Amino acid sequence: GGGTKMIPVSRPRIASDGKRAYYIFRDSERCSRVSVAFTE
């Protein structure tokens, strides 16, 4: 469909310094909280 969708996940944003990274998102599987995945 069209228009703004109500989706059970957010689109992600990534922040990185080239090594470590934060992958920021929201997912109904995690009760729609502000969540972050981290890698070194």
PDB file of all heavy atoms in Angstrom:
ATOM      1  N   GLY A   1       0.804  -1.211   0.000  1.00  0.00           N
ATOM      2  CA  GLY A   1       0.000   0.000   0.000  1.00  0.00           C
ATOM      3  C   GLY A   1       0.836   1.259   0.000  1.00  0.00           C
ATOM      4  O   GLY A   1       2.057   1.226  -0.110  1.00  0.00           O
ATOM      5  N   GLY A   2       0.148   2.400   0.122  1.00  0.00           N
ATOM      6  CA  GLY A   2       0.819   3.690   0.086  1.00  0.00           C
ATOM      7  C   GLY A   2       0.622   4.463   1.369  1.00  0.00           C
ATOM      8  O   GLY A   2      -0.034   4.009   2.308  1.00  0.00           O
ATOM      9  N   GLY A   3       1.204   5.661   1.403  1.00  0.00           N
ATOM     10  CA  GLY A   3       1.111   6.493   2.584  1.00  0.00           C
ATOM     11  C   GLY A   3       2.050   6.026   3.672  1.00  0.00           C
ATOM     12  O   GLY A   3       2.799   5.063   3.518  1.00  0.00           O
ATOM     13  N   THR A   4       2.019   6.719   4.807  1.00  0.00           N
ATOM     14  CA  THR A   4       2.844   6.328   5.942  1.00  0.00           C
ATOM     15  C   THR A   4       2.294   5.043   6.535  1.00  0.00           C
ATOM     16  O   THR A   4       1.115   4.954   6.855  1.00  0.00           O
ATOM     17  CB  THR A   4       2.867   7.435   7.003  1.00  0.00           C
ATOM     18  OG1 THR A   4       3.383   8.628   6.417  1.00  0.00           O
ATOM     19  CG2 THR A   4       3.735   7.042   8.180  1.00  0.00           C
ATOM     20  N   LYS A   5       3.157   4.042   6.688  1.00  0.00           N
ATOM     21  CA  LYS A   5       2.744   2.744   7.185  1.00  0.00           C
ATOM     22  C   LYS A   5       3.016   2.626   8.680  1.00  0.00           C
ATOM     23  O   LYS A   5       3.979   3.185   9.193  1.00  0.00           O
ATOM     24  CB  LYS A   5       3.494   1.622   6.458  1.00  0.00           C
ATOM     25  CG  LYS A   5       3.494   1.716   4.945  1.00  0.00           C
ATOM     26  CD  LYS A   5       2.091   1.712   4.365  1.00  0.00           C
ATOM     27  CE  LYS A   5       1.392   0.395   4.604  1.00  0.00           C
ATOM     28  NZ  LYS A   5      -0.010   0.416   4.072  1.00  0.00           N
ATOM     29  N   MET A   6       2.143   1.888   9.370  1.00  0.00           N
ATOM     30  CA  MET A   6       2.420   1.513  10.759  1.00  0.00           C
ATOM     31  C   MET A   6       3.007   0.117  10.723  1.00  0.00           C
ATOM     32  O   MET A   6       2.304  -0.865  10.526  1.00  0.00           O
ATOM     33  CB  MET A   6       1.164   1.564  11.619  1.00  0.00           C
ATOM     34  CG  MET A   6       1.425   1.178  13.071  1.00  0.00           C
ATOM     35  SD  MET A   6       2.798   2.111  13.800  1.00  0.00           S
ATOM     36  CE  MET A   6       3.315   1.037  15.115  1.00  0.00           C
ATOM     37  N   ILE A   7       4.327   0.035  10.886  1.00  0.00           N
ATOM     38  CA  ILE A   7       5.077  -1.198  10.705  1.00  0.00           C
ATOM     39  C   ILE A   7       5.575  -1.662  12.074  1.00  0.00           C
ATOM     40  O   ILE A   7       5.943  -0.827  12.913  1.00  0.00           O
ATOM     41  CB  ILE A   7       6.264  -0.952   9.744  1.00  0.00           C
ATOM     42  CG1 ILE A   7       5.755  -0.335   8.441  1.00  0.00           C
ATOM     43  CG2 ILE A   7       7.016  -2.238   9.456  1.00  0.00           C
ATOM     44  CD1 ILE A   7       6.857   0.128   7.507  1.00  0.00           C
ATOM     45  N   PRO A   8       5.600  -2.969  12.335  1.00  0.00           N
ATOM     46  CA  PRO A   8       6.018  -3.438  13.665  1.00  0.00           C
ATOM     47  C   PRO A   8       7.492  -3.243  13.965  1.00  0.00           C
ATOM     48  O   PRO A   8       7.933  -3.523  15.090  1.00  0.00           O
ATOM     49  CB  PRO A   8       5.657  -4.932  13.642  1.00  0.00           C
ATOM     50  CG  PRO A   8       5.580  -5.291  12.201  1.00  0.00           C
ATOM     51  CD  PRO A   8       5.095  -4.069  11.500  1.00  0.00           C
ATOM     52  N   VAL A   9       8.277  -2.800  12.987  1.00  0.00           N
ATOM     53  CA  VAL A   9       9.677  -2.445  13.230  1.00  0.00           C
ATOM     54  C   VAL A   9       9.916  -1.046  12.674  1.00  0.00           C
ATOM     55  O   VAL A   9       9.201  -0.577  11.785  1.00  0.00           O
ATOM     56  CB  VAL A   9      10.650  -3.435  12.564  1.00  0.00           C
ATOM     57  CG1 VAL A   9      10.429  -4.841  13.079  1.00  0.00           C
ATOM     58  CG2 VAL A   9      10.544  -3.404  11.053  1.00  0.00           C
ATOM     59  N   SER A  10      10.934  -0.380  13.194  1.00  0.00           N
ATOM     60  CA  SER A  10      11.345   0.894  12.610  1.00  0.00           C
ATOM     61  C   SER A  10      12.379   0.647  11.524  1.00  0.00           C
ATOM     62  O   SER A  10      12.994  -0.423  11.456  1.00  0.00           O
ATOM     63  CB  SER A  10      11.961   1.801  13.676  1.00  0.00           C
ATOM     64  OG  SER A  10      13.273   1.345  14.014  1.00  0.00           O
ATOM     65  N   ARG A  11      12.590   1.643  10.703  1.00  0.00           N
ATOM     66  CA  ARG A  11      13.764   1.630   9.860  1.00  0.00           C
ATOM     67  C   ARG A  11      14.989   1.889  10.740  1.00  0.00           C
ATOM     68  O   ARG A  11      14.921   2.642  11.697  1.00  0.00           O
ATOM     69  CB  ARG A  11      13.637   2.700   8.771  1.00  0.00           C
ATOM     70  CG  ARG A  11      12.642   2.308   7.695  1.00  0.00           C
ATOM     71  CD  ARG A  11      12.241   3.460   6.799  1.00  0.00           C
ATOM     72  NE  ARG A  11      11.253   4.305   7.439  1.00  0.00           N
ATOM     73  CZ  ARG A  11      10.459   5.156   6.786  1.00  0.00           C
ATOM     74  NH1 ARG A  11      10.566   5.263   5.464  1.00  0.00           N
ATOM     75  NH2 ARG A  11       9.578   5.884   7.425  1.00  0.00           N
ATOM     76  N   PRO A  12      16.128   1.257  10.422  1.00  0.00           N
ATOM     77  CA  PRO A  12      17.295   1.388  11.295  1.00  0.00           C
ATOM     78  C   PRO A  12      18.156   2.586  10.942  1.00  0.00           C
ATOM     79  O   PRO A  12      18.148   3.080   9.823  1.00  0.00           O
ATOM     80  CB  PRO A  12      18.051   0.087  11.028  1.00  0.00           C
ATOM     81  CG  PRO A  12      17.762  -0.194   9.580  1.00  0.00           C
ATOM     82  CD  PRO A  12      16.346   0.263   9.357  1.00  0.00           C
ATOM     83  N   ARG A  13      18.927   3.041  11.927  1.00  0.00           N
ATOM     84  CA  ARG A  13      19.995   4.023  11.714  1.00  0.00           C
ATOM     85  C   ARG A  13      21.295   3.424  12.222  1.00  0.00           C
ATOM     86  O   ARG A  13      21.309   2.743  13.247  1.00  0.00           O
ATOM     87  CB  ARG A  13      19.714   5.325  12.468  1.00  0.00           C
ATOM     88  CG  ARG A  13      18.450   6.036  12.067  1.00  0.00           C
ATOM     89  CD  ARG A  13      18.598   6.817  10.784  1.00  0.00           C
ATOM     90  NE  ARG A  13      19.420   8.002  10.970  1.00  0.00           N
ATOM     91  CZ  ARG A  13      19.545   8.962  10.044  1.00  0.00           C
ATOM     92  NH1 ARG A  13      18.929   8.854   8.890  1.00  0.00           N
ATOM     93  NH2 ARG A  13      20.314  10.012  10.269  1.00  0.00           N
ATOM     94  N   ILE A  14      22.388   3.717  11.523  1.00  0.00           N
ATOM     95  CA  ILE A  14      23.675   3.191  11.915  1.00  0.00           C
ATOM     96  C   ILE A  14      24.648   4.324  12.191  1.00  0.00           C
ATOM     97  O   ILE A  14      24.711   5.302  11.439  1.00  0.00           O
ATOM     98  CB  ILE A  14      24.245   2.218  10.854  1.00  0.00           C
ATOM     99  CG1 ILE A  14      25.518   1.543  11.365  1.00  0.00           C
ATOM    100  CG2 ILE A  14      24.459   2.903   9.518  1.00  0.00           C
ATOM    101  CD1 ILE A  14      25.990   0.384  10.511  1.00  0.00           C
ATOM    102  N   ALA A  15      25.369   4.199  13.303  1.00  0.00           N
ATOM    103  CA  ALA A  15      26.445   5.135  13.646  1.00  0.00           C
ATOM    104  C   ALA A  15      27.709   4.327  13.822  1.00  0.00           C
ATOM    105  O   ALA A  15      27.704   3.307  14.513  1.00  0.00           O
ATOM    106  CB  ALA A  15      26.117   5.890  14.930  1.00  0.00           C
ATOM    107  N   SER A  16      28.797   4.762  13.211  1.00  0.00           N
ATOM    108  CA  SER A  16      30.037   4.002  13.308  1.00  0.00           C
ATOM    109  C   SER A  16      31.233   4.925  13.177  1.00  0.00           C
ATOM    110  O   SER A  16      31.182   5.948  12.495  1.00  0.00           O
ATOM    111  CB  SER A  16      30.093   2.936  12.211  1.00  0.00           C
ATOM    112  OG  SER A  16      31.331   2.244  12.248  1.00  0.00           O
ATOM    113  N   ASP A  17      32.340   4.536  13.833  1.00  0.00           N
ATOM    114  CA  ASP A  17      33.614   5.222  13.656  1.00  0.00           C
ATOM    115  C   ASP A  17      34.538   4.407  12.756  1.00  0.00           C
ATOM    116  O   ASP A  17      35.738   4.676  12.670  1.00  0.00           O
ATOM    117  CB  ASP A  17      34.282   5.498  14.995  1.00  0.00           C
ATOM    118  CG  ASP A  17      34.550   4.228  15.795  1.00  0.00           C
ATOM    119  OD1 ASP A  17      34.355   3.118  15.249  1.00  0.00           O
ATOM    120  OD2 ASP A  17      34.967   4.333  16.962  1.00  0.00           O
ATOM    121  N   GLY A  18      33.987   3.427  12.063  1.00  0.00           N
ATOM    122  CA  GLY A  18      34.763   2.581  11.174  1.00  0.00           C
ATOM    123  C   GLY A  18      35.133   1.251  11.782  1.00  0.00           C
ATOM    124  O   GLY A  18      35.482   0.317  11.066  1.00  0.00           O
ATOM    125  N   LYS A  19      35.016   1.149  13.096  1.00  0.00           N
ATOM    126  CA  LYS A  19      35.272  -0.127  13.783  1.00  0.00           C
ATOM    127  C   LYS A  19      34.041  -0.513  14.595  1.00  0.00           C
ATOM    128  O   LYS A  19      33.294  -1.397  14.209  1.00  0.00           O
ATOM    129  CB  LYS A  19      36.516  -0.021  14.663  1.00  0.00           C
ATOM    130  CG  LYS A  19      37.807   0.163  13.859  1.00  0.00           C
ATOM    131  CD  LYS A  19      39.026   0.191  14.771  1.00  0.00           C
ATOM    132  CE  LYS A  19      40.308   0.356  13.960  1.00  0.00           C
ATOM    133  NZ  LYS A  19      41.508   0.408  14.824  1.00  0.00           N
ATOM    134  N   ARG A  20      33.842   0.137  15.731  1.00  0.00           N
ATOM    135  CA  ARG A  20      32.628  -0.128  16.497  1.00  0.00           C
ATOM    136  C   ARG A  20      31.433   0.483  15.769  1.00  0.00           C
ATOM    137  O   ARG A  20      31.579   1.442  14.996  1.00  0.00           O
ATOM    138  CB  ARG A  20      32.746   0.459  17.904  1.00  0.00           C
ATOM    139  CG  ARG A  20      32.923   1.962  17.895  1.00  0.00           C
ATOM    140  CD  ARG A  20      32.947   2.554  19.279  1.00  0.00           C
ATOM    141  NE  ARG A  20      33.187   3.972  19.192  1.00  0.00           N
ATOM    142  CZ  ARG A  20      32.726   4.857  20.070  1.00  0.00           C
ATOM    143  NH1 ARG A  20      31.998   4.466  21.080  1.00  0.00           N
ATOM    144  NH2 ARG A  20      33.012   6.142  19.933  1.00  0.00           N
ATOM    145  N   ALA A  21      30.269  -0.063  16.033  1.00  0.00           N
ATOM    146  CA  ALA A  21      29.066   0.457  15.382  1.00  0.00           C
ATOM    147  C   ALA A  21      27.861   0.258  16.277  1.00  0.00           C
ATOM    148  O   ALA A  21      27.782  -0.716  17.039  1.00  0.00           O
ATOM    149  CB  ALA A  21      28.841  -0.231  14.041  1.00  0.00           C
ATOM    150  N   TYR A  22      26.925   1.196  16.188  1.00  0.00           N
ATOM    151  CA  TYR A  22      25.640   1.109  16.851  1.00  0.00           C
ATOM    152  C   TYR A  22      24.556   1.066  15.772  1.00  0.00           C
ATOM    153  O   TYR A  22      24.514   1.933  14.899  1.00  0.00           O
ATOM    154  CB  TYR A  22      25.395   2.324  17.753  1.00  0.00           C
ATOM    155  CG  TYR A  22      26.379   2.471  18.878  1.00  0.00           C
ATOM    156  CD1 TYR A  22      27.522   3.270  18.740  1.00  0.00           C
ATOM    157  CD2 TYR A  22      26.176   1.821  20.095  1.00  0.00           C
ATOM    158  CE1 TYR A  22      28.420   3.418  19.778  1.00  0.00           C
ATOM    159  CE2 TYR A  22      27.079   1.966  21.143  1.00  0.00           C
ATOM    160  CZ  TYR A  22      28.200   2.760  20.974  1.00  0.00           C
ATOM    161  OH  TYR A  22      29.088   2.904  22.005  1.00  0.00           O
ATOM    162  N   TYR A  23      23.701   0.079  15.847  1.00  0.00           N
ATOM    163  CA  TYR A  23      22.606  -0.122  14.898  1.00  0.00           C
ATOM    164  C   TYR A  23      21.322   0.099  15.688  1.00  0.00           C
ATOM    165  O   TYR A  23      20.942  -0.717  16.522  1.00  0.00           O
ATOM    166  CB  TYR A  23      22.701  -1.544  14.358  1.00  0.00           C
ATOM    167  CG  TYR A  23      21.912  -1.896  13.133  1.00  0.00           C
ATOM    168  CD1 TYR A  23      22.535  -2.018  11.889  1.00  0.00           C
ATOM    169  CD2 TYR A  23      20.554  -2.187  13.206  1.00  0.00           C
ATOM    170  CE1 TYR A  23      21.823  -2.401  10.754  1.00  0.00           C
ATOM    171  CE2 TYR A  23      19.839  -2.571  12.085  1.00  0.00           C
ATOM    172  CZ  TYR A  23      20.479  -2.686  10.858  1.00  0.00           C
ATOM    173  OH  TYR A  23      19.774  -3.080   9.740  1.00  0.00           O
ATOM    174  N   ILE A  24      20.652   1.225  15.468  1.00  0.00           N
ATOM    175  CA  ILE A  24      19.565   1.687  16.334  1.00  0.00           C
ATOM    176  C   ILE A  24      18.225   1.387  15.664  1.00  0.00           C
ATOM    177  O   ILE A  24      18.041   1.655  14.478  1.00  0.00           O
ATOM    178  CB  ILE A  24      19.695   3.199  16.598  1.00  0.00           C
ATOM    179  CG1 ILE A  24      21.140   3.552  16.966  1.00  0.00           C
ATOM    180  CG2 ILE A  24      18.755   3.636  17.712  1.00  0.00           C
ATOM    181  CD1 ILE A  24      21.465   5.014  16.762  1.00  0.00           C
ATOM    182  N   PHE A  25      17.275   0.849  16.430  1.00  0.00           N
ATOM    183  CA  PHE A  25      16.006   0.424  15.843  1.00  0.00           C
ATOM    184  C   PHE A  25      14.938   0.290  16.919  1.00  0.00           C
ATOM    185  O   PHE A  25      15.198   0.428  18.115  1.00  0.00           O
ATOM    186  CB  PHE A  25      16.184  -0.903  15.092  1.00  0.00           C
ATOM    187  CG  PHE A  25      16.562  -2.063  15.983  1.00  0.00           C
ATOM    188  CD1 PHE A  25      15.601  -2.958  16.434  1.00  0.00           C
ATOM    189  CD2 PHE A  25      17.888  -2.258  16.370  1.00  0.00           C
ATOM    190  CE1 PHE A  25      15.945  -4.028  17.252  1.00  0.00           C
ATOM    191  CE2 PHE A  25      18.242  -3.326  17.190  1.00  0.00           C
ATOM    192  CZ  PHE A  25      17.271  -4.209  17.631  1.00  0.00           C
ATOM    193  N   ARG A  26      13.725  -0.038  16.463  1.00  0.00           N
ATOM    194  CA  ARG A  26      12.598  -0.350  17.344  1.00  0.00           C
ATOM    195  C   ARG A  26      11.868  -1.554  16.744  1.00  0.00           C
ATOM    196  O   ARG A  26      11.610  -1.594  15.546  1.00  0.00           O
ATOM    197  CB  ARG A  26      11.663   0.857  17.445  1.00  0.00           C
ATOM    198  CG  ARG A  26      10.373   0.647  18.247  1.00  0.00           C
ATOM    199  CD  ARG A  26       9.172   0.392  17.351  1.00  0.00           C
ATOM    200  NE  ARG A  26       9.016   1.374  16.295  1.00  0.00           N
ATOM    201  CZ  ARG A  26       8.267   1.174  15.220  1.00  0.00           C
ATOM    202  NH1 ARG A  26       7.638   0.023  15.030  1.00  0.00           N
ATOM    203  NH2 ARG A  26       8.166   2.101  14.283  1.00  0.00           N
ATOM    204  N   ASP A  27      11.548  -2.557  17.581  1.00  0.00           N
ATOM    205  CA  ASP A  27      10.954  -3.795  17.096  1.00  0.00           C
ATOM    206  C   ASP A  27       9.887  -4.250  18.078  1.00  0.00           C
ATOM    207  O   ASP A  27      10.128  -4.281  19.289  1.00  0.00           O
ATOM    208  CB  ASP A  27      12.042  -4.864  16.943  1.00  0.00           C
ATOM    209  CG  ASP A  27      11.576  -6.105  16.196  1.00  0.00           C
ATOM    210  OD1 ASP A  27      10.358  -6.331  16.095  1.00  0.00           O
ATOM    211  OD2 ASP A  27      12.444  -6.860  15.725  1.00  0.00           O
ATOM    212  N   SER A  28       8.710  -4.631  17.562  1.00  0.00           N
ATOM    213  CA  SER A  28       7.642  -5.121  18.432  1.00  0.00           C
ATOM    214  C   SER A  28       8.070  -6.383  19.183  1.00  0.00           C
ATOM    215  O   SER A  28       7.549  -6.673  20.263  1.00  0.00           O
ATOM    216  CB  SER A  28       6.382  -5.405  17.609  1.00  0.00           C
ATOM    217  OG  SER A  28       6.635  -6.400  16.627  1.00  0.00           O
ATOM    218  N   GLU A  29       9.031  -7.128  18.640  1.00  0.00           N
ATOM    219  CA  GLU A  29       9.543  -8.298  19.351  1.00  0.00           C
ATOM    220  C   GLU A  29      10.263  -7.919  20.642  1.00  0.00           C
ATOM    221  O   GLU A  29      10.409  -8.755  21.536  1.00  0.00           O
ATOM    222  CB  GLU A  29      10.495  -9.093  18.460  1.00  0.00           C
ATOM    223  CG  GLU A  29       9.815  -9.817  17.318  1.00  0.00           C
ATOM    224  CD  GLU A  29      10.757 -10.739  16.578  1.00  0.00           C
ATOM    225  OE1 GLU A  29      11.982 -10.685  16.832  1.00  0.00           O
ATOM    226  OE2 GLU A  29      10.261 -11.510  15.736  1.00  0.00           O
ATOM    227  N   ARG A  30      10.707  -6.665  20.739  1.00  0.00           N
ATOM    228  CA  ARG A  30      11.358  -6.164  21.944  1.00  0.00           C
ATOM    229  C   ARG A  30      10.462  -5.134  22.632  1.00  0.00           C
ATOM    230  O   ARG A  30      10.940  -4.185  23.252  1.00  0.00           O
ATOM    231  CB  ARG A  30      12.719  -5.568  21.606  1.00  0.00           C
ATOM    232  CG  ARG A  30      13.646  -6.545  20.878  1.00  0.00           C
ATOM    233  CD  ARG A  30      15.046  -5.994  20.735  1.00  0.00           C
ATOM    234  NE  ARG A  30      15.728  -5.940  22.029  1.00  0.00           N
ATOM    235  CZ  ARG A  30      16.416  -6.957  22.558  1.00  0.00           C
ATOM    236  NH1 ARG A  30      16.522  -8.094  21.887  1.00  0.00           N
ATOM    237  NH2 ARG A  30      17.007  -6.824  23.728  1.00  0.00           N
ATOM    238  N   CYS A  31       9.133  -5.317  22.467  1.00  0.00           N
ATOM    239  CA  CYS A  31       8.126  -4.447  23.098  1.00  0.00           C
ATOM    240  C   CYS A  31       8.233  -3.009  22.608  1.00  0.00           C
ATOM    241  O   CYS A  31       7.888  -2.065  23.341  1.00  0.00           O
ATOM    242  CB  CYS A  31       8.231  -4.509  24.619  1.00  0.00           C
ATOM    243  SG  CYS A  31       7.991  -6.165  25.294  1.00  0.00           S
ATOM    244  N   SER A  32       8.714  -2.809  21.377  1.00  0.00           N
ATOM    245  CA  SER A  32       8.784  -1.495  20.723  1.00  0.00           C
ATOM    246  C   SER A  32       9.556  -0.474  21.556  1.00  0.00           C
ATOM    247  O   SER A  32       9.206   0.705  21.615  1.00  0.00           O
ATOM    248  CB  SER A  32       7.379  -0.969  20.400  1.00  0.00           C
ATOM    249  OG  SER A  32       6.750  -1.823  19.481  1.00  0.00           O
ATOM    250  N   ARG A  33      10.618  -0.918  22.183  1.00  0.00           N
ATOM    251  CA  ARG A  33      11.492  -0.014  22.927  1.00  0.00           C
ATOM    252  C   ARG A  33      12.562   0.568  21.997  1.00  0.00           C
ATOM    253  O   ARG A  33      12.710   0.139  20.863  1.00  0.00           O
ATOM    254  CB  ARG A  33      12.154  -0.767  24.077  1.00  0.00           C
ATOM    255  CG  ARG A  33      11.160  -1.269  25.120  1.00  0.00           C
ATOM    256  CD  ARG A  33      11.786  -2.290  26.035  1.00  0.00           C
ATOM    257  NE  ARG A  33      10.860  -2.670  27.112  1.00  0.00           N
ATOM    258  CZ  ARG A  33      10.983  -3.772  27.836  1.00  0.00           C
ATOM    259  NH1 ARG A  33      11.989  -4.610  27.602  1.00  0.00           N
ATOM    260  NH2 ARG A  33      10.113  -4.042  28.792  1.00  0.00           N
ATOM    261  N   VAL A  34      13.291   1.554  22.490  1.00  0.00           N
ATOM    262  CA  VAL A  34      14.476   2.036  21.779  1.00  0.00           C
ATOM    263  C   VAL A  34      15.567   0.995  21.984  1.00  0.00           C
ATOM    264  O   VAL A  34      16.010   0.771  23.116  1.00  0.00           O
ATOM    265  CB  VAL A  34      14.934   3.405  22.304  1.00  0.00           C
ATOM    266  CG1 VAL A  34      16.222   3.836  21.596  1.00  0.00           C
ATOM    267  CG2 VAL A  34      13.837   4.443  22.111  1.00  0.00           C
ATOM    268  N   SER A  35      15.983   0.349  20.912  1.00  0.00           N
ATOM    269  CA  SER A  35      16.952  -0.735  21.002  1.00  0.00           C
ATOM    270  C   SER A  35      18.193  -0.404  20.192  1.00  0.00           C
ATOM    271  O   SER A  35      18.138   0.374  19.231  1.00  0.00           O
ATOM    272  CB  SER A  35      16.352  -2.052  20.500  1.00  0.00           C
ATOM    273  OG  SER A  35      15.213  -2.426  21.251  1.00  0.00           O
ATOM    274  N   VAL A  36      19.305  -1.008  20.588  1.00  0.00           N
ATOM    275  CA  VAL A  36      20.550  -0.805  19.870  1.00  0.00           C
ATOM    276  C   VAL A  36      21.316  -2.117  19.814  1.00  0.00           C
ATOM    277  O   VAL A  36      21.407  -2.840  20.808  1.00  0.00           O
ATOM    278  CB  VAL A  36      21.411   0.318  20.509  1.00  0.00           C
ATOM    279  CG1 VAL A  36      21.770  -0.020  21.942  1.00  0.00           C
ATOM    280  CG2 VAL A  36      22.675   0.566  19.699  1.00  0.00           C
ATOM    281  N   ALA A  37      21.796  -2.442  18.618  1.00  0.00           N
ATOM    282  CA  ALA A  37      22.724  -3.548  18.442  1.00  0.00           C
ATOM    283  C   ALA A  37      24.128  -2.965  18.357  1.00  0.00           C
ATOM    284  O   ALA A  37      24.334  -1.926  17.717  1.00  0.00           O
ATOM    285  CB  ALA A  37      22.387  -4.340  17.185  1.00  0.00           C
ATOM    286  N   PHE A  38      25.075  -3.618  18.998  1.00  0.00           N
ATOM    287  CA  PHE A  38      26.438  -3.104  19.069  1.00  0.00           C
ATOM    288  C   PHE A  38      27.426  -4.154  18.591  1.00  0.00           C
ATOM    289  O   PHE A  38      27.287  -5.336  18.880  1.00  0.00           O
ATOM    290  CB  PHE A  38      26.784  -2.714  20.510  1.00  0.00           C
ATOM    291  CG  PHE A  38      28.218  -2.305  20.704  1.00  0.00           C
ATOM    292  CD1 PHE A  38      28.650  -1.063  20.272  1.00  0.00           C
ATOM    293  CD2 PHE A  38      29.134  -3.165  21.294  1.00  0.00           C
ATOM    294  CE1 PHE A  38      29.977  -0.676  20.445  1.00  0.00           C
ATOM    295  CE2 PHE A  38      30.458  -2.792  21.472  1.00  0.00           C
ATOM    296  CZ  PHE A  38      30.883  -1.545  21.040  1.00  0.00           C
ATOM    297  N   THR A  39      28.434  -3.710  17.830  1.00  0.00           N
ATOM    298  CA  THR A  39      29.546  -4.565  17.472  1.00  0.00           C
ATOM    299  C   THR A  39      30.847  -3.801  17.658  1.00  0.00           C
ATOM    300  O   THR A  39      30.898  -2.584  17.444  1.00  0.00           O
ATOM    301  CB  THR A  39      29.443  -5.080  16.027  1.00  0.00           C
ATOM    302  OG1 THR A  39      30.548  -5.950  15.749  1.00  0.00           O
ATOM    303  CG2 THR A  39      29.435  -3.941  15.017  1.00  0.00           C
ATOM    304  N   GLU A  40      31.878  -4.499  18.064  1.00  0.00           N
ATOM    305  CA  GLU A  40      33.189  -3.879  18.255  1.00  0.00           C
ATOM    306  C   GLU A  40      34.019  -3.891  16.979  1.00  0.00           C
ATOM    307  O   GLU A  40      35.064  -3.251  16.917  1.00  0.00           O
ATOM    308  CB  GLU A  40      33.949  -4.608  19.371  1.00  0.00           C
ATOM    309  CG  GLU A  40      33.284  -4.456  20.736  1.00  0.00           C
ATOM    310  CD  GLU A  40      33.974  -5.275  21.800  1.00  0.00           C
ATOM    311  OE1 GLU A  40      34.735  -6.194  21.433  1.00  0.00           O
ATOM    312  OE2 GLU A  40      33.750  -5.008  22.995  1.00  0.00           O
TER     313      GLU A  40
END
